[in-house]
């Protein structure tokens, strides 16, 4: 995002100008739009992005389309731009989820029912960046697991990629009994995780929202998980787990942080900011919480109600599409009619709220940007870069023969509102051009963690709870670029290191 940074000994000044409304990017696709003859699925329609800005979209269950960063169909991907994941042995499929790993490979996870024992199985398929089944993964591109004697089929909720391209697959049954399975990057069950590869959390997933984000993975593969701990008026529970599936007892109280909110039927959504802090939105109450990385309440951001809570009554099509950006602002897409109850078409809009819950008046008109292109639905969106976002929906032709297309549009915007933020400069690096060693100096009393990766995203070094200045030795590594992330409970910073 467009910022100018001014450093002093203890604070950072972020300065900008006044903001302008989003502008349709006419260089994207066909005058700002990519139109597809296949509609985009309304469940888990959030686009997944490749590092170069290309994106993968979900059409129907287990069917995907790849769109290039300029808004054109990638005809080199699978079958003329589209991929359908099949399992001819299955006769009943359940909800799937998908993700992209560090090498641009597509992972698709789903549960299915089979005629032969084991009747209920969890499946993960991996495809190369070209959409070809990756035969080096699991059994000829396919990981499959009997759901450990479970008598009821479990739905796949989410697939989260880890630092070494292994993955957590989150499954659930009837919005209850959240479990997590860990699969290695080679397609094998990681039996050291949880109980033989599966973690039974005891949490439930209460809510009708198709896909709020309830899991957030950290660089060291520990993770946060949101859920509902039991029945009755039990409040929302946020837990932090270690990479082996054990609770992180340094987080909250014995690994848990309890939110004083018992109304969950609208679902809850979790976002982890670059600062390490956590934002949690309860759709039912329109209340936002912000927690520190250790699970304590951020005293500078007490829980607040969105000042325009009636956003949930304005013909919102897919409220699960909400996102917090790196500055803590909340983005919510929706659709509206100029005359409620009429047969007029819907029009998409985007709302943005400041971190304190007030409408961001610098965005569009009083925090609302509305598009005048009719959509039958406006299902999701995603940030393609620091100054552009894409929206996903279904668009009708305006003259006979009437047809419905999947529609993808890109909008450019500028983050130009004045914003001052105080950030303690916790860490310093002795040098960024090195031959063998460099040093980390800490100015904080909090212990810190480090995660060092090479240019391929492969893990080189991981250390936790360091309490003093630290020496990093990469003399045994080849020349190239390395990235080190240093974090404590209050702050995180990332540095690039060039080894001669």
Protein backbone atom coordinates (compact mmCIF):
# COMPACT_ATOMS: atom_id res chain seq x y z
CA UNK A 1 0.00 0.00 0.00
CA UNK A 2 1.22 3.49 -0.79
CA UNK A 3 3.03 4.73 2.29
CA UNK A 4 6.03 6.84 3.20
CA UNK A 5 7.89 5.60 6.26
CA UNK A 6 9.70 8.04 8.56
CA UNK A 7 11.82 6.40 11.27
CA UNK A 8 12.86 7.74 14.67
CA UNK A 9 14.17 5.85 17.66
CA UNK A 10 10.82 4.49 18.84
CA UNK A 11 8.10 5.20 16.32
CA UNK A 12 7.05 4.92 12.73
CA UNK A 13 4.99 7.57 10.96
CA UNK A 14 2.74 6.35 8.14
CA UNK A 15 1.67 9.29 6.01
CA UNK A 16 -0.60 9.49 2.98
CA UNK A 17 -3.09 11.73 1.22
CA UNK A 18 -6.85 11.69 0.84
CA UNK A 19 -8.37 8.58 -0.77
CA UNK A 20 -10.17 8.20 -4.05
CA UNK A 21 -12.95 5.68 -4.81
CA UNK A 22 -12.05 2.39 -6.55
CA UNK A 23 -11.75 2.53 -10.32
CA UNK A 24 -12.57 -0.34 -12.67
CA UNK A 25 -9.27 -1.44 -14.28
CA UNK A 26 -10.03 -1.33 -18.00
CA UNK A 27 -6.72 -3.08 -18.79
CA UNK A 28 -8.00 -6.23 -17.06
CA UNK A 29 -9.72 -8.80 -19.29
CA UNK A 30 -12.41 -7.28 -21.51
CA UNK A 31 -12.72 -3.65 -20.34
CA UNK A 32 -12.25 -4.62 -16.70
CA UNK A 33 -14.09 -7.97 -16.70
CA UNK A 34 -13.37 -11.64 -17.23
CA UNK A 35 -16.62 -13.36 -18.24
CA UNK A 36 -16.85 -17.13 -18.11
CA UNK A 37 -19.51 -19.45 -19.52
CA UNK A 38 -19.41 -21.30 -16.20
CA UNK A 39 -20.80 -19.71 -13.07
CA UNK A 40 -18.74 -19.51 -9.90
CA UNK A 41 -19.79 -21.55 -6.91
CA UNK A 42 -21.23 -19.52 -4.03
CA UNK A 43 -19.59 -21.68 -1.36
CA UNK A 44 -15.90 -20.98 -0.81
CA UNK A 45 -15.72 -18.76 -3.90
CA UNK A 46 -12.82 -16.68 -2.55
CA UNK A 47 -10.09 -16.65 -5.23
CA UNK A 48 -6.71 -18.22 -4.53
CA UNK A 49 -3.76 -16.25 -5.89
CA UNK A 50 -0.44 -17.39 -7.32
CA UNK A 51 2.67 -15.34 -6.54
CA UNK A 52 2.60 -13.70 -10.00
CA UNK A 53 -1.00 -12.52 -9.58
CA UNK A 54 -2.66 -15.33 -11.55
CA UNK A 55 -5.69 -16.72 -9.78
CA UNK A 56 -7.70 -19.89 -9.40
CA UNK A 57 -11.51 -19.78 -9.18
CA UNK A 58 -13.96 -22.44 -8.07
CA UNK A 59 -16.84 -23.07 -10.49
CA UNK A 60 -18.72 -26.07 -9.17
CA UNK A 61 -17.67 -28.62 -6.55
CA UNK A 62 -14.23 -29.95 -7.56
CA UNK A 63 -14.14 -27.82 -10.75
CA UNK A 64 -11.71 -24.92 -11.17
CA UNK A 65 -10.73 -22.23 -13.67
CA UNK A 66 -7.34 -20.50 -13.90
CA UNK A 67 -7.28 -16.83 -14.89
CA UNK A 68 -4.07 -14.97 -15.72
CA UNK A 69 -3.19 -11.79 -13.84
CA UNK A 70 -4.29 -9.69 -16.85
CA UNK A 71 -7.81 -11.17 -16.80
CA UNK A 72 -7.43 -13.70 -19.62
CA UNK A 73 -8.20 -17.41 -19.42
CA UNK A 74 -5.07 -19.54 -19.02
CA UNK A 75 -5.73 -22.05 -21.83
CA UNK A 76 -2.51 -23.92 -20.96
CA UNK A 77 -4.01 -25.01 -17.64
CA UNK A 78 -5.48 -28.53 -17.69
CA UNK A 79 -8.32 -28.74 -20.25
CA UNK A 80 -8.37 -25.33 -21.94
CA UNK A 81 -8.26 -23.44 -18.65
CA UNK A 82 -10.56 -25.63 -16.53
CA UNK A 83 -9.90 -28.63 -14.30
CA UNK A 84 -12.42 -31.14 -12.97
CA UNK A 85 -11.32 -33.45 -10.13
CA UNK A 86 -12.83 -36.92 -10.52
CA UNK A 87 -12.86 -40.06 -8.41
CA UNK A 88 -14.71 -42.74 -10.41
CA UNK A 89 -14.88 -45.09 -7.42
CA UNK A 90 -16.97 -42.66 -5.33
CA UNK A 91 -20.73 -42.24 -5.70
CA UNK A 92 -21.44 -39.49 -3.14
CA UNK A 93 -19.25 -36.42 -2.72
CA UNK A 94 -19.23 -33.90 0.10
CA UNK A 95 -18.05 -30.31 0.30
CA UNK A 96 -14.49 -29.68 -0.92
CA UNK A 97 -11.85 -27.05 -0.24
CA UNK A 98 -8.74 -26.08 -2.15
CA UNK A 99 -5.47 -24.20 -1.81
CA UNK A 100 -2.20 -23.45 -3.63
CA UNK A 101 1.21 -24.36 -2.18
CA UNK A 102 4.51 -22.48 -2.45
CA UNK A 103 5.30 -24.11 -5.81
CA UNK A 104 1.97 -23.17 -7.38
CA UNK A 105 0.50 -26.67 -7.10
CA UNK A 106 -3.23 -27.07 -6.56
CA UNK A 107 -4.44 -29.12 -3.56
CA UNK A 108 -8.08 -30.24 -3.54
CA UNK A 109 -9.57 -32.00 -0.50
CA UNK A 110 -13.00 -33.62 -0.15
CA UNK A 111 -14.78 -36.51 1.54
CA UNK A 112 -16.71 -39.14 -0.38
CA UNK A 113 -18.72 -42.34 0.06
CA UNK A 114 -17.71 -45.59 -1.64
CA UNK A 115 -19.38 -48.92 -2.37
CA UNK A 116 -16.53 -50.89 -0.84
CA UNK A 117 -14.96 -50.71 2.62
CA UNK A 118 -13.77 -48.33 3.89
CA UNK A 119 -17.00 -46.64 2.90
CA UNK A 120 -16.14 -43.11 4.08
CA UNK A 121 -12.80 -41.65 3.03
CA UNK A 122 -10.98 -38.33 3.11
CA UNK A 123 -9.26 -37.48 -0.18
CA UNK A 124 -6.57 -34.99 -1.18
CA UNK A 125 -5.44 -34.61 -4.81
CA UNK A 126 -2.45 -32.54 -5.93
CA UNK A 127 -1.97 -31.05 -9.40
CA UNK A 128 1.02 -29.33 -10.97
CA UNK A 129 0.97 -25.66 -11.90
CA UNK A 130 -0.26 -26.75 -15.37
CA UNK A 131 -3.22 -28.64 -13.92
CA UNK A 132 -1.77 -32.14 -14.40
CA UNK A 133 -2.12 -34.74 -11.64
CA UNK A 134 1.13 -34.74 -9.63
CA UNK A 135 2.14 -38.40 -9.55
CA UNK A 136 4.84 -37.75 -6.92
CA UNK A 137 2.16 -37.03 -4.31
CA UNK A 138 0.71 -39.92 -2.28
CA UNK A 139 -0.51 -42.82 -4.40
CA UNK A 140 -0.20 -41.49 -7.98
CA UNK A 141 -1.25 -37.96 -7.03
CA UNK A 142 -3.85 -38.99 -4.46
CA UNK A 143 -3.87 -39.17 -0.65
CA UNK A 144 -6.75 -41.16 0.81
CA UNK A 145 -7.61 -41.95 4.43
CA UNK A 146 -10.32 -44.00 6.04
CA UNK A 147 -12.04 -41.58 8.41
CA UNK A 148 -10.91 -43.79 11.29
CA UNK A 149 -14.10 -45.72 11.82
CA UNK A 150 -16.36 -42.67 11.81
CA UNK A 151 -19.91 -43.74 11.06
CA UNK A 152 -20.95 -40.37 9.61
CA UNK A 153 -19.27 -38.68 6.68
CA UNK A 154 -17.30 -35.59 7.58
CA UNK A 155 -17.24 -32.48 5.39
CA UNK A 156 -13.98 -30.80 4.45
CA UNK A 157 -13.98 -27.25 5.76
CA UNK A 158 -10.53 -25.95 4.91
CA UNK A 159 -7.10 -26.96 3.65
CA UNK A 160 -4.20 -24.86 5.00
CA UNK A 161 -0.71 -25.07 3.48
CA UNK A 162 2.26 -25.09 5.87
CA UNK A 163 5.82 -23.79 5.51
CA UNK A 164 7.13 -27.06 4.01
CA UNK A 165 4.05 -27.58 1.81
CA UNK A 166 2.53 -30.11 4.15
CA UNK A 167 -1.07 -29.27 5.09
CA UNK A 168 -3.77 -29.18 7.74
CA UNK A 169 -7.15 -30.43 6.50
CA UNK A 170 -10.02 -29.26 8.72
CA UNK A 171 -13.13 -31.48 8.72
CA UNK A 172 -16.45 -31.33 10.55
CA UNK A 173 -19.77 -33.16 10.95
CA UNK A 174 -23.06 -31.23 10.82
CA UNK A 175 -21.30 -28.07 12.05
CA UNK A 176 -19.97 -30.09 14.99
CA UNK A 177 -16.91 -32.07 16.03
CA UNK A 178 -14.10 -30.08 14.40
CA UNK A 179 -11.08 -32.25 13.60
CA UNK A 180 -7.80 -31.58 11.84
CA UNK A 181 -5.78 -34.05 9.78
CA UNK A 182 -2.12 -33.39 8.90
CA UNK A 183 -0.82 -34.60 5.54
CA UNK A 184 2.84 -34.35 4.51
CA UNK A 185 4.08 -32.68 1.32
CA UNK A 186 4.69 -36.17 -0.08
CA UNK A 187 1.09 -37.21 0.49
CA UNK A 188 1.37 -39.28 3.65
CA UNK A 189 -0.42 -39.05 6.98
CA UNK A 190 1.78 -37.33 9.62
CA UNK A 191 1.22 -39.76 12.49
CA UNK A 192 3.18 -37.63 14.99
CA UNK A 193 0.42 -35.02 14.80
CA UNK A 194 -2.50 -35.29 17.22
CA UNK A 195 -3.62 -38.88 17.70
CA UNK A 196 -2.05 -40.83 14.84
CA UNK A 197 -2.41 -37.95 12.38
CA UNK A 198 -5.80 -36.59 13.46
CA UNK A 199 -6.50 -33.93 16.10
CA UNK A 200 -9.89 -34.13 17.81
CA UNK A 201 -10.45 -30.58 19.06
CA UNK A 202 -13.80 -31.06 20.81
CA UNK A 203 -14.92 -27.74 19.31
CA UNK A 204 -18.01 -27.27 17.19
CA UNK A 205 -18.74 -25.00 14.27
CA UNK A 206 -22.01 -23.18 14.85
CA UNK A 207 -23.33 -21.03 12.03
CA UNK A 208 -24.96 -20.98 8.63
CA UNK A 209 -22.22 -18.96 6.95
CA UNK A 210 -20.64 -21.16 4.24
CA UNK A 211 -16.98 -20.36 4.78
CA UNK A 212 -15.86 -17.97 7.49
CA UNK A 213 -12.17 -18.33 8.27
CA UNK A 214 -11.71 -20.20 11.55
CA UNK A 215 -8.07 -21.34 11.25
CA UNK A 216 -4.93 -19.23 10.87
CA UNK A 217 -1.50 -20.85 10.46
CA UNK A 218 1.68 -19.12 11.65
CA UNK A 219 5.08 -19.36 9.92
CA UNK A 220 6.28 -21.99 12.42
CA UNK A 221 3.20 -24.16 11.63
CA UNK A 222 1.52 -23.51 14.97
CA UNK A 223 -2.05 -22.34 14.42
CA UNK A 224 -5.07 -20.57 15.87
CA UNK A 225 -8.49 -22.22 15.77
CA UNK A 226 -11.90 -20.66 16.48
CA UNK A 227 -14.84 -22.73 17.62
CA UNK A 228 -17.69 -23.22 20.03
CA UNK A 229 -16.79 -25.22 23.11
CA UNK A 230 -19.87 -27.25 23.91
CA UNK A 231 -23.60 -26.56 23.95
CA UNK A 232 -25.77 -23.97 25.65
CA UNK A 233 -24.51 -20.46 26.24
CA UNK A 234 -20.84 -21.35 25.95
CA UNK A 235 -18.81 -18.43 24.56
CA UNK A 236 -16.59 -18.41 21.49
CA UNK A 237 -13.25 -20.11 22.10
CA UNK A 238 -9.95 -19.24 20.41
CA UNK A 239 -7.18 -21.81 20.84
CA UNK A 240 -3.56 -21.92 19.81
CA UNK A 241 -1.99 -25.27 18.94
CA UNK A 242 1.63 -26.28 18.53
CA UNK A 243 2.75 -27.93 15.25
CA UNK A 244 2.35 -31.38 16.87
CA UNK A 245 -1.28 -30.70 17.76
CA UNK A 246 -0.74 -30.00 21.45
CA UNK A 247 -2.14 -26.84 23.03
CA UNK A 248 0.27 -23.91 23.41
CA UNK A 249 0.04 -23.40 27.17
CA UNK A 250 1.66 -19.95 26.87
CA UNK A 251 -1.40 -18.72 24.96
CA UNK A 252 -4.30 -17.33 26.98
CA UNK A 253 -5.12 -19.65 29.87
CA UNK A 254 -3.82 -23.15 29.17
CA UNK A 255 -3.97 -22.58 25.44
CA UNK A 256 -7.41 -20.96 25.26
CA UNK A 257 -8.79 -17.45 25.11
CA UNK A 258 -12.52 -17.06 25.75
CA UNK A 259 -14.54 -14.31 24.09
CA UNK A 260 -17.53 -13.01 26.07
CA UNK A 261 -19.95 -13.63 23.22
CA UNK A 262 -22.45 -16.50 23.19
CA UNK A 263 -24.44 -15.62 20.04
CA UNK A 264 -22.78 -17.67 17.32
CA UNK A 265 -25.41 -18.63 14.79
CA UNK A 266 -24.12 -16.14 12.25
CA UNK A 267 -20.63 -17.62 12.33
CA UNK A 268 -17.27 -16.14 13.32
CA UNK A 269 -14.40 -15.03 11.10
CA UNK A 270 -10.70 -14.88 12.05
CA UNK A 271 -7.98 -12.74 10.48
CA UNK A 272 -4.35 -12.44 11.57
CA UNK A 273 -2.80 -9.04 10.84
CA UNK A 274 0.83 -8.46 9.86
CA UNK A 275 1.42 -7.08 13.34
CA UNK A 276 0.58 -10.51 14.76
CA UNK A 277 -2.65 -9.31 16.33
CA UNK A 278 -5.92 -11.13 15.71
CA UNK A 279 -9.22 -9.70 14.50
CA UNK A 280 -12.40 -11.68 15.09
CA UNK A 281 -15.78 -10.75 13.61
CA UNK A 282 -19.02 -12.28 14.90
CA UNK A 283 -21.52 -12.07 12.04
CA UNK A 284 -24.53 -12.50 14.31
CA UNK A 285 -23.77 -9.60 16.65
CA UNK A 286 -21.71 -7.48 14.20
CA UNK A 287 -19.13 -7.23 16.98
CA UNK A 288 -15.37 -7.07 16.36
CA UNK A 289 -12.69 -8.20 18.80
CA UNK A 290 -8.95 -7.61 18.62
CA UNK A 291 -6.55 -9.80 20.58
CA UNK A 292 -2.81 -9.78 21.05
CA UNK A 293 -0.80 -12.75 19.83
CA UNK A 294 -0.75 -14.19 23.36
CA UNK A 295 -4.54 -14.29 23.55
CA UNK A 296 -5.02 -11.22 25.76
CA UNK A 297 -7.40 -8.43 24.83
CA UNK A 298 -5.75 -5.51 23.00
CA UNK A 299 -6.44 -2.68 25.45
CA UNK A 300 -6.13 -0.13 22.63
CA UNK A 301 -8.99 -1.82 20.72
CA UNK A 302 -11.78 -2.86 23.08
CA UNK A 303 -14.60 -4.89 21.52
CA UNK A 304 -16.92 -2.71 19.45
CA UNK A 305 -20.07 -2.95 17.40
CA UNK A 306 -19.87 -1.98 13.75
CA UNK A 307 -21.45 1.45 13.65
CA UNK A 308 -23.55 0.41 10.65
CA UNK A 309 -24.71 -2.96 11.93
CA UNK A 310 -27.65 -2.92 9.53
CA UNK A 311 -25.24 -4.02 6.80
CA UNK A 312 -26.54 -7.48 7.55
CA UNK A 313 -30.09 -6.54 6.49
CA UNK A 314 -29.30 -4.95 3.13
CA UNK A 315 -29.66 -7.86 0.74
CA UNK A 316 -26.14 -9.10 1.52
CA UNK A 317 -25.50 -12.10 -0.69
CA UNK A 318 -22.34 -13.56 0.81
CA UNK A 319 -21.32 -12.09 4.11
CA UNK A 320 -18.68 -14.77 4.53
CA UNK A 321 -16.63 -12.75 2.03
CA UNK A 322 -15.54 -10.22 4.66
CA UNK A 323 -11.82 -9.55 4.99
CA UNK A 324 -9.62 -7.45 7.25
CA UNK A 325 -6.75 -5.76 5.44
CA UNK A 326 -3.27 -5.29 6.93
CA UNK A 327 -4.33 -1.99 8.52
CA UNK A 328 -7.24 -3.58 10.37
CA UNK A 329 -9.98 -2.17 8.14
CA UNK A 330 -12.96 -4.42 7.45
CA UNK A 331 -14.17 -4.95 3.86
CA UNK A 332 -17.65 -6.39 3.24
CA UNK A 333 -19.16 -6.95 -0.23
CA UNK A 334 -22.86 -7.25 -0.93
CA UNK A 335 -25.58 -6.50 -3.43
CA UNK A 336 -28.53 -4.14 -3.47
CA UNK A 337 -31.65 -3.13 -5.40
CA UNK A 338 -32.62 0.46 -5.97
CA UNK A 339 -36.22 -0.53 -5.17
CA UNK A 340 -36.44 -3.32 -2.63
CA UNK A 341 -38.72 -6.19 -3.64
CA UNK A 342 -38.79 -5.24 -7.30
CA UNK A 343 -37.76 -7.42 -10.22
CA UNK A 344 -34.89 -5.05 -10.99
CA UNK A 345 -31.42 -6.55 -11.17
CA UNK A 346 -29.03 -6.49 -8.24
CA UNK A 347 -25.99 -4.22 -8.21
CA UNK A 348 -22.82 -5.03 -6.29
CA UNK A 349 -21.32 -2.80 -3.63
CA UNK A 350 -18.35 -2.84 -1.29
CA UNK A 351 -18.26 -1.37 2.21
CA UNK A 352 -15.13 -0.53 4.16
CA UNK A 353 -14.95 0.20 7.88
CA UNK A 354 -12.18 1.81 9.91
CA UNK A 355 -10.51 -0.24 12.66
CA UNK A 356 -12.82 1.42 15.22
CA UNK A 357 -15.91 0.22 13.31
CA UNK A 358 -16.92 3.54 11.79
CA UNK A 359 -17.54 3.76 8.03
CA UNK A 360 -14.37 4.73 6.15
CA UNK A 361 -15.52 8.01 4.58
CA UNK A 362 -12.37 8.11 2.44
CA UNK A 363 -13.59 5.04 0.55
CA UNK A 364 -16.25 5.68 -2.10
CA UNK A 365 -19.25 7.58 -0.73
CA UNK A 366 -19.39 7.44 3.07
CA UNK A 367 -17.53 4.12 3.06
CA UNK A 368 -19.62 2.53 0.28
CA UNK A 369 -18.60 1.91 -3.30
CA UNK A 370 -21.41 0.78 -5.64
CA UNK A 371 -21.00 -0.54 -9.17
CA UNK A 372 -23.60 0.17 -11.85
CA UNK A 373 -23.14 -3.15 -13.69
CA UNK A 374 -26.02 -5.53 -12.83
CA UNK A 375 -25.20 -8.84 -11.19
CA UNK A 376 -27.48 -11.69 -10.21
CA UNK A 377 -25.13 -12.25 -7.29
CA UNK A 378 -21.92 -10.91 -5.84
CA UNK A 379 -20.33 -13.84 -4.10
CA UNK A 380 -16.82 -13.00 -2.99
CA UNK A 381 -13.66 -10.95 -3.48
CA UNK A 382 -9.93 -10.98 -2.79
CA UNK A 383 -6.94 -8.65 -2.69
CA UNK A 384 -4.82 -9.26 -5.78
CA UNK A 385 -2.18 -6.72 -4.71
CA UNK A 386 -1.69 -3.91 -2.22
CA UNK A 387 -3.73 -1.53 -4.37
CA UNK A 388 -6.23 -3.71 -6.26
CA UNK A 389 -9.00 -6.17 -5.49
CA UNK A 390 -11.06 -8.52 -7.62
CA UNK A 391 -14.76 -9.24 -7.22
CA UNK A 392 -16.54 -12.45 -8.17
CA UNK A 393 -20.18 -12.78 -9.11
CA UNK A 394 -22.73 -13.86 -11.70
CA UNK A 395 -23.69 -11.44 -14.42
CA UNK A 396 -26.68 -11.59 -16.79
CA UNK A 397 -26.81 -10.40 -20.36
CA UNK A 398 -29.14 -7.41 -20.74
CA UNK A 399 -30.80 -8.52 -23.97
CA UNK A 400 -32.14 -11.83 -25.38
CA UNK A 401 -31.09 -14.56 -25.35
CA UNK A 402 -30.62 -14.01 -21.61
CA UNK A 403 -27.59 -15.85 -20.26
CA UNK A 404 -25.73 -15.93 -16.96
CA UNK A 405 -21.93 -15.72 -16.87
CA UNK A 406 -19.42 -16.08 -14.13
CA UNK A 407 -17.92 -12.61 -13.80
CA UNK A 408 -14.58 -11.47 -12.41
CA UNK A 409 -13.72 -7.75 -12.22
CA UNK A 410 -10.64 -5.88 -11.01
CA UNK A 411 -10.67 -2.51 -9.28
CA UNK A 412 -7.72 -0.30 -8.45
CA UNK A 413 -7.73 1.87 -5.35
CA UNK A 414 -5.31 4.02 -3.38
CA UNK A 415 -4.80 3.88 0.35
CA UNK A 416 -4.41 7.60 0.89
CA UNK A 417 -6.10 8.36 4.17
CA UNK A 418 -3.90 9.95 6.84
CA UNK A 419 -2.92 7.38 9.40
CA UNK A 420 -0.48 7.68 12.28
CA UNK A 421 0.69 4.57 14.05
CA UNK A 422 3.19 4.03 16.82
CA UNK A 423 5.26 0.89 16.38
CA UNK A 424 8.14 -0.10 18.58
CA UNK A 425 11.21 -1.08 16.60
CA UNK A 426 11.86 -4.35 18.42
CA UNK A 427 14.55 -5.92 16.22
CA UNK A 428 17.65 -4.89 14.31
CA UNK A 429 19.82 -6.85 11.86
CA UNK A 430 23.60 -6.30 11.89
CA UNK A 431 23.84 -6.56 8.09
CA UNK A 432 21.80 -7.76 5.13
CA UNK A 433 24.77 -8.57 2.84
CA UNK A 434 26.65 -11.43 4.48
CA UNK A 435 29.31 -14.09 3.85
CA UNK A 436 28.54 -16.41 6.75
CA UNK A 437 26.89 -14.85 9.83
CA UNK A 438 24.64 -11.98 10.87
CA UNK A 439 23.31 -10.87 14.20
CA UNK A 440 19.86 -10.08 15.56
CA UNK A 441 19.65 -7.41 18.24
CA UNK A 442 16.48 -7.20 20.30
CA UNK A 443 15.27 -4.06 22.04
CA UNK A 444 12.36 -5.84 23.68
CA UNK A 445 11.97 -7.73 26.94
CA UNK A 446 9.71 -10.29 25.25
CA UNK A 447 11.22 -13.56 23.96
CA UNK A 448 11.11 -13.85 20.20
CA UNK A 449 10.94 -16.53 17.49
CA UNK A 450 12.80 -16.64 14.18
CA UNK A 451 11.99 -18.41 10.92
CA UNK A 452 14.58 -18.40 8.11
CA UNK A 453 13.69 -19.61 4.60
CA UNK A 454 15.57 -19.66 1.30
CA UNK A 455 14.41 -18.26 -2.04
CA UNK A 456 12.47 -21.48 -2.72
CA UNK A 457 10.47 -21.06 0.48
CA UNK A 458 12.25 -24.02 2.10
CA UNK A 459 12.85 -23.89 5.85
CA UNK A 460 16.51 -23.28 6.79
CA UNK A 461 16.32 -22.42 10.49
CA UNK A 462 13.61 -22.19 13.14
CA UNK A 463 14.19 -21.13 16.74
CA UNK A 464 11.62 -20.27 19.43
CA UNK A 465 11.54 -18.19 22.62
CA UNK A 466 14.95 -16.54 22.22
CA UNK A 467 15.58 -14.10 25.07
CA UNK A 468 18.88 -12.42 24.09
CA UNK A 469 20.70 -11.14 21.02
CA UNK A 470 21.19 -13.99 18.57
CA UNK A 471 23.73 -15.05 15.93
CA UNK A 472 22.51 -16.68 12.71
CA UNK A 473 25.10 -18.81 10.89
CA UNK A 474 24.36 -19.58 7.22
CA UNK A 475 27.92 -20.51 6.26
CA UNK A 476 26.71 -23.95 5.16
CA UNK A 477 24.09 -22.49 2.80
CA UNK A 478 24.61 -21.70 -0.90
CA UNK A 479 24.70 -18.12 -2.15
CA UNK A 480 21.34 -16.49 -2.69
CA UNK A 481 18.49 -14.60 -1.06
CA UNK A 482 17.08 -15.61 2.32
CA UNK A 483 14.09 -14.26 4.22
CA UNK A 484 14.01 -14.11 8.01
CA UNK A 485 10.86 -13.40 9.99
CA UNK A 486 11.35 -12.31 13.60
CA UNK A 487 8.32 -12.11 15.89
CA UNK A 488 7.28 -11.78 19.50
CA UNK A 489 3.89 -11.46 21.15
CA UNK A 490 3.53 -7.80 20.16
CA UNK A 491 5.28 -7.37 16.83
CA UNK A 492 6.83 -9.09 13.83
CA UNK A 493 9.33 -7.96 11.20
CA UNK A 494 10.66 -9.52 8.01
CA UNK A 495 14.14 -8.93 6.49
CA UNK A 496 15.78 -10.07 3.27
CA UNK A 497 19.36 -11.36 3.55
CA UNK A 498 21.71 -11.70 0.56
CA UNK A 499 24.53 -14.21 0.97
CA UNK A 500 27.57 -13.78 -1.28
